[in-house]
C-alpha atoms as a PDB file:
ATOM      1  CA  MET A   1      -0.050  -0.040   0.013  1.00  0.00           C
ATOM      2  CA  GLY A   2       1.332   3.442  -1.016  1.00  0.00           C
ATOM      3  CA  ASP A   3       1.920   6.240   1.504  1.00  0.00           C
ATOM      4  CA  GLU A   4      -0.693   8.338   0.064  1.00  0.00           C
ATOM      5  CA  GLN A   5      -3.478   5.520   0.482  1.00  0.00           C
ATOM      6  CA  GLN A   6      -2.200   4.907   4.017  1.00  0.00           C
ATOM      7  CA  ASP A   7      -2.490   8.520   4.850  1.00  0.00           C
ATOM      8  CA  GLN A   8      -5.977   8.588   3.291  1.00  0.00           C
ATOM      9  CA  LEU A   9      -6.950   5.570   5.493  1.00  0.00           C
ATOM     10  CA  MET A  10      -5.569   7.222   8.617  1.00  0.00           C
ATOM     11  CA  ARG A  11      -7.361  10.478   7.992  1.00  0.00           C
ATOM     12  CA  TRP A  12     -10.613   8.528   7.734  1.00  0.00           C
ATOM     13  CA  VAL A  13      -9.805   6.551  10.929  1.00  0.00           C
ATOM     14  CA  GLU A  14      -9.336   9.953  12.685  1.00  0.00           C
ATOM     15  CA  ARG A  15     -12.636  11.003  11.500  1.00  0.00           C
ATOM     16  CA  VAL A  16     -14.290   7.916  12.888  1.00  0.00           C
ATOM     17  CA  ALA A  17     -12.426   8.640  16.211  1.00  0.00           C
ATOM     18  CA  THR A  18     -13.408  12.322  16.159  1.00  0.00           C
ATOM     19  CA  PHE A  19     -17.071  11.037  15.711  1.00  0.00           C
ATOM     20  CA  CYS A  20     -16.873   8.702  18.628  1.00  0.00           C
ATOM     21  CA  VAL A  21     -15.486  11.261  20.866  1.00  0.00           C
ATOM     22  CA  GLU A  22     -17.843  14.012  20.001  1.00  0.00           C
ATOM     23  CA  GLU A  23     -20.973  11.904  19.610  1.00  0.00           C
ATOM     24  CA  TRP A  24     -20.500   9.130  22.298  1.00  0.00           C
ATOM     25  CA  GLY A  25     -17.765  10.418  24.640  1.00  0.00           C
ATOM     26  CA  LEU A  26     -15.355   7.703  24.010  1.00  0.00           C
ATOM     27  CA  PRO A  27     -11.655   8.015  24.262  1.00  0.00           C
ATOM     28  CA  PRO A  28      -9.962   8.912  20.942  1.00  0.00           C
ATOM     29  CA  ILE A  29      -7.965   5.592  20.917  1.00  0.00           C
ATOM     30  CA  THR A  30     -11.232   3.746  21.196  1.00  0.00           C
ATOM     31  CA  GLY A  31     -12.532   5.443  18.201  1.00  0.00           C
ATOM     32  CA  ARG A  32      -9.358   4.875  16.307  1.00  0.00           C
ATOM     33  CA  VAL A  33      -9.513   1.202  17.056  1.00  0.00           C
ATOM     34  CA  LEU A  34     -13.007   0.933  15.791  1.00  0.00           C
ATOM     35  CA  GLY A  35     -12.142   2.996  12.752  1.00  0.00           C
ATOM     36  CA  TRP A  36      -9.042   0.978  11.937  1.00  0.00           C
ATOM     37  CA  LEU A  37     -10.842  -2.375  12.485  1.00  0.00           C
ATOM     38  CA  MET A  38     -13.624  -1.148  10.053  1.00  0.00           C
ATOM     39  CA  ILE A  39     -11.363  -0.296   7.183  1.00  0.00           C
ATOM     40  CA  CYS A  40      -8.272  -2.634   7.562  1.00  0.00           C
ATOM     41  CA  ASP A  41      -7.360  -5.544   5.407  1.00  0.00           C
ATOM     42  CA  PRO A  42      -7.156  -8.255   6.422  1.00  0.00           C
ATOM     43  CA  PRO A  43     -10.063  -7.760   8.996  1.00  0.00           C
ATOM     44  CA  GLU A  44      -8.242  -9.461  11.697  1.00  0.00           C
ATOM     45  CA  GLN A  45      -5.340  -7.529  13.084  1.00  0.00           C
ATOM     46  CA  SER A  46      -2.940  -8.342  15.929  1.00  0.00           C
ATOM     47  CA  ALA A  47      -2.754  -5.984  19.047  1.00  0.00           C
ATOM     48  CA  GLY A  48       0.648  -5.069  18.130  1.00  0.00           C
ATOM     49  CA  GLY A  49      -0.255  -4.236  14.565  1.00  0.00           C
ATOM     50  CA  ILE A  50      -3.286  -1.973  15.648  1.00  0.00           C
ATOM     51  CA  ALA A  51      -0.984  -0.352  18.219  1.00  0.00           C
ATOM     52  CA  ASP A  52       1.610   0.483  15.708  1.00  0.00           C
ATOM     53  CA  THR A  53      -1.043   1.519  12.948  1.00  0.00           C
ATOM     54  CA  ILE A  54      -2.863   4.022  15.279  1.00  0.00           C
ATOM     55  CA  GLN A  55       0.215   5.038  17.141  1.00  0.00           C
ATOM     56  CA  ALA A  56      -0.909   3.846  20.630  1.00  0.00           C
ATOM     57  CA  SER A  57       0.852   2.483  23.435  1.00  0.00           C
ATOM     58  CA  ARG A  58       0.416  -1.291  24.128  1.00  0.00           C
ATOM     59  CA  ALA A  59      -0.904  -0.740  27.654  1.00  0.00           C
ATOM     60  CA  SER A  60      -3.386   1.782  26.385  1.00  0.00           C
ATOM     61  CA  LEU A  61      -4.397  -0.464  23.619  1.00  0.00           C
ATOM     62  CA  THR A  62      -4.767  -3.466  25.785  1.00  0.00           C
ATOM     63  CA  SER A  63      -7.211  -1.719  28.205  1.00  0.00           C
ATOM     64  CA  ASN A  64      -9.227  -0.468  25.126  1.00  0.00           C
ATOM     65  CA  MET A  65      -9.307  -3.857  23.582  1.00  0.00           C
ATOM     66  CA  ARG A  66     -10.476  -5.415  26.805  1.00  0.00           C
ATOM     67  CA  LEU A  67     -13.297  -2.875  26.870  1.00  0.00           C
ATOM     68  CA  LEU A  68     -14.347  -3.418  23.135  1.00  0.00           C
ATOM     69  CA  THR A  69     -14.379  -7.136  23.530  1.00  0.00           C
ATOM     70  CA  THR A  70     -16.278  -7.010  26.863  1.00  0.00           C
ATOM     71  CA  ILE A  71     -19.082  -4.895  25.354  1.00  0.00           C
ATOM     72  CA  GLY A  72     -19.107  -7.200  22.324  1.00  0.00           C
ATOM     73  CA  LEU A  73     -18.077  -4.785  19.635  1.00  0.00           C
ATOM     74  CA  VAL A  74     -14.732  -6.415  18.940  1.00  0.00           C
ATOM     75  CA  ARG A  75     -14.016 -10.066  18.742  1.00  0.00           C
ATOM     76  CA  LYS A  76     -10.761 -11.949  19.680  1.00  0.00           C
ATOM     77  CA  VAL A  77      -9.828 -14.634  17.290  1.00  0.00           C
ATOM     78  CA  ARG A  78      -7.194 -17.142  16.990  1.00  0.00           C
ATOM     79  CA  ARG A  79      -5.647 -18.795  14.056  1.00  0.00           C
ATOM     80  CA  PRO A  80      -4.624 -22.340  14.070  1.00  0.00           C
ATOM     81  CA  GLY A  81      -0.780 -22.903  14.868  1.00  0.00           C
ATOM     82  CA  ASP A  82      -0.612 -19.003  15.658  1.00  0.00           C
ATOM     83  CA  ARG A  83       0.030 -17.958  19.158  1.00  0.00           C
ATOM     84  CA  VAL A  84      -0.841 -14.388  18.412  1.00  0.00           C
ATOM     85  CA  ALA A  85      -4.329 -13.195  19.376  1.00  0.00           C
ATOM     86  CA  TYR A  86      -6.157 -11.101  16.394  1.00  0.00           C
ATOM     87  CA  TYR A  87      -8.970  -8.969  16.774  1.00  0.00           C
ATOM     88  CA  ARG A  88     -11.880  -7.957  14.366  1.00  0.00           C
ATOM     89  CA  ILE A  89     -14.932  -5.851  14.572  1.00  0.00           C
ATOM     90  CA  GLU A  90     -18.143  -7.770  15.083  1.00  0.00           C
ATOM     91  CA  ASP A  91     -20.307  -7.751  11.985  1.00  0.00           C
ATOM     92  CA  ASP A  92     -23.170  -6.138  14.123  1.00  0.00           C
ATOM     93  CA  ALA A  93     -21.092  -3.887  16.270  1.00  0.00           C
ATOM     94  CA  TRP A  94     -22.840  -0.753  15.207  1.00  0.00           C
ATOM     95  CA  HIS A  95     -26.307  -2.209  15.683  1.00  0.00           C
ATOM     96  CA  LYS A  96     -25.216  -3.052  19.247  1.00  0.00           C
ATOM     97  CA  VAL A  97     -24.110   0.630  19.746  1.00  0.00           C
ATOM     98  CA  VAL A  98     -27.389   2.053  18.419  1.00  0.00           C
ATOM     99  CA  GLN A  99     -29.499  -0.424  20.367  1.00  0.00           C
ATOM    100  CA  ARG A 100     -27.701   0.467  23.653  1.00  0.00           C
ATOM    101  CA  LYS A 101     -28.584   4.043  22.846  1.00  0.00           C
ATOM    102  CA  LEU A 102     -32.195   3.222  22.139  1.00  0.00           C
ATOM    103  CA  ASP A 103     -32.424   1.178  25.391  1.00  0.00           C
ATOM    104  CA  SER A 104     -31.126   4.091  27.272  1.00  0.00           C
ATOM    105  CA  LEU A 105     -33.993   6.281  25.587  1.00  0.00           C
ATOM    106  CA  SER A 106     -36.639   3.832  26.928  1.00  0.00           C
ATOM    107  CA  ALA A 107     -35.087   3.969  30.455  1.00  0.00           C
ATOM    108  CA  PHE A 108     -35.791   7.656  30.581  1.00  0.00           C
ATOM    109  CA  GLY A 109     -39.461   6.932  30.811  1.00  0.00           C
ATOM    110  CA  ASP A 110     -38.864   5.801  34.440  1.00  0.00           C
ATOM    111  CA  ILE A 111     -36.965   8.785  35.238  1.00  0.00           C
ATOM    112  CA  ALA A 112     -39.760  11.115  33.523  1.00  0.00           C
ATOM    113  CA  GLU A 113     -42.314   9.241  35.700  1.00  0.00           C
ATOM    114  CA  GLU A 114     -40.502  10.068  38.909  1.00  0.00           C
ATOM    115  CA  GLY A 115     -40.181  13.630  37.732  1.00  0.00           C
ATOM    116  CA  PHE A 116     -43.755  13.933  37.247  1.00  0.00           C
ATOM    117  CA  ALA A 117     -44.546  12.489  40.674  1.00  0.00           C
ATOM    118  CA  ILE A 118     -42.187  15.050  42.174  1.00  0.00           C
ATOM    119  CA  THR A 119     -43.690  17.929  40.246  1.00  0.00           C
ATOM    120  CA  GLY A 120     -47.295  17.116  40.696  1.00  0.00           C
ATOM    121  CA  ARG A 121     -47.847  16.627  36.849  1.00  0.00           C
ATOM    122  CA  GLU A 122     -48.683  20.368  36.443  1.00  0.00           C
ATOM    123  CA  GLY A 123     -46.740  23.505  35.699  1.00  0.00           C
ATOM    124  CA  PRO A 124     -43.726  24.518  33.655  1.00  0.00           C
ATOM    125  CA  ARG A 125     -41.470  21.913  35.350  1.00  0.00           C
ATOM    126  CA  THR A 126     -43.615  19.268  34.211  1.00  0.00           C
ATOM    127  CA  GLU A 127     -43.805  20.620  30.750  1.00  0.00           C
ATOM    128  CA  ARG A 128     -40.024  20.525  30.458  1.00  0.00           C
ATOM    129  CA  ILE A 129     -40.027  16.927  31.494  1.00  0.00           C
ATOM    130  CA  LYS A 130     -42.942  16.132  29.204  1.00  0.00           C
ATOM    131  CA  ALA A 131     -40.802  17.654  26.114  1.00  0.00           C
ATOM    132  CA  ALA A 132     -37.899  15.547  27.046  1.00  0.00           C
ATOM    133  CA  GLN A 133     -39.940  12.358  27.243  1.00  0.00           C
ATOM    134  CA  GLU A 134     -41.973  13.075  24.071  1.00  0.00           C
ATOM    135  CA  SER A 135     -38.801  13.747  22.079  1.00  0.00           C
ATOM    136  CA  LEU A 136     -36.991  10.637  23.354  1.00  0.00           C
ATOM    137  CA  THR A 137     -40.049   8.430  22.822  1.00  0.00           C
ATOM    138  CA  TRP A 138     -40.493   9.661  19.343  1.00  0.00           C
ATOM    139  CA  LEU A 139     -36.781   8.858  18.543  1.00  0.00           C
ATOM    140  CA  ARG A 140     -37.211   5.378  20.107  1.00  0.00           C
ATOM    141  CA  ASP A 141     -40.367   4.834  18.190  1.00  0.00           C
ATOM    142  CA  ILE A 142     -38.892   5.784  14.839  1.00  0.00           C
ATOM    143  CA  ALA A 143     -36.024   3.431  15.335  1.00  0.00           C
ATOM    144  CA  ALA A 144     -38.399   0.619  16.260  1.00  0.00           C
ATOM    145  CA  ARG A 145     -40.280   1.152  13.076  1.00  0.00           C
ATOM    146  CA  ASN A 146     -37.124   1.161  10.912  1.00  0.00           C
ATOM    147  CA  PRO A 147     -34.665  -1.370  12.029  1.00  0.00           C
ATOM    148  CA  PRO A 148     -31.393  -1.557  10.285  1.00  0.00           C
ATOM    149  CA  GLU A 149     -30.843  -4.177   7.645  1.00  0.00           C
ATOM    150  CA  HIS A 150     -27.539  -5.980   7.734  1.00  0.00           C
END
């Protein structure tokens, strides 16, 4: 792969990382790992190879890989006869991310109900809670009607 193509790939990986930081509050290295694992070839990469590519320390990468495998976005794979562990992004990783967000929208319903009980269900405070609840319920319902195809 030429330097220009590698630079292009790394700029894209950095855009993914920025998105993950700004939209989800993830550490930049986590976003870089996800970005790299989406675009790399072959799809399985060693921890050392990932660290070298995204210019991360091995220690930092190890903790991030543990997090990503624990939450099910990345899978550790072994190759027969090879002692090195490789990692790949799960095919449904982004569906899992979105589903977790949708689940959190549903959880706000309980919080809103508690707020209504505190405010007596009347007045401007209740209206602000109701506006938040309606917006989050609307978003959840749209997603439920339009599940992703993969």
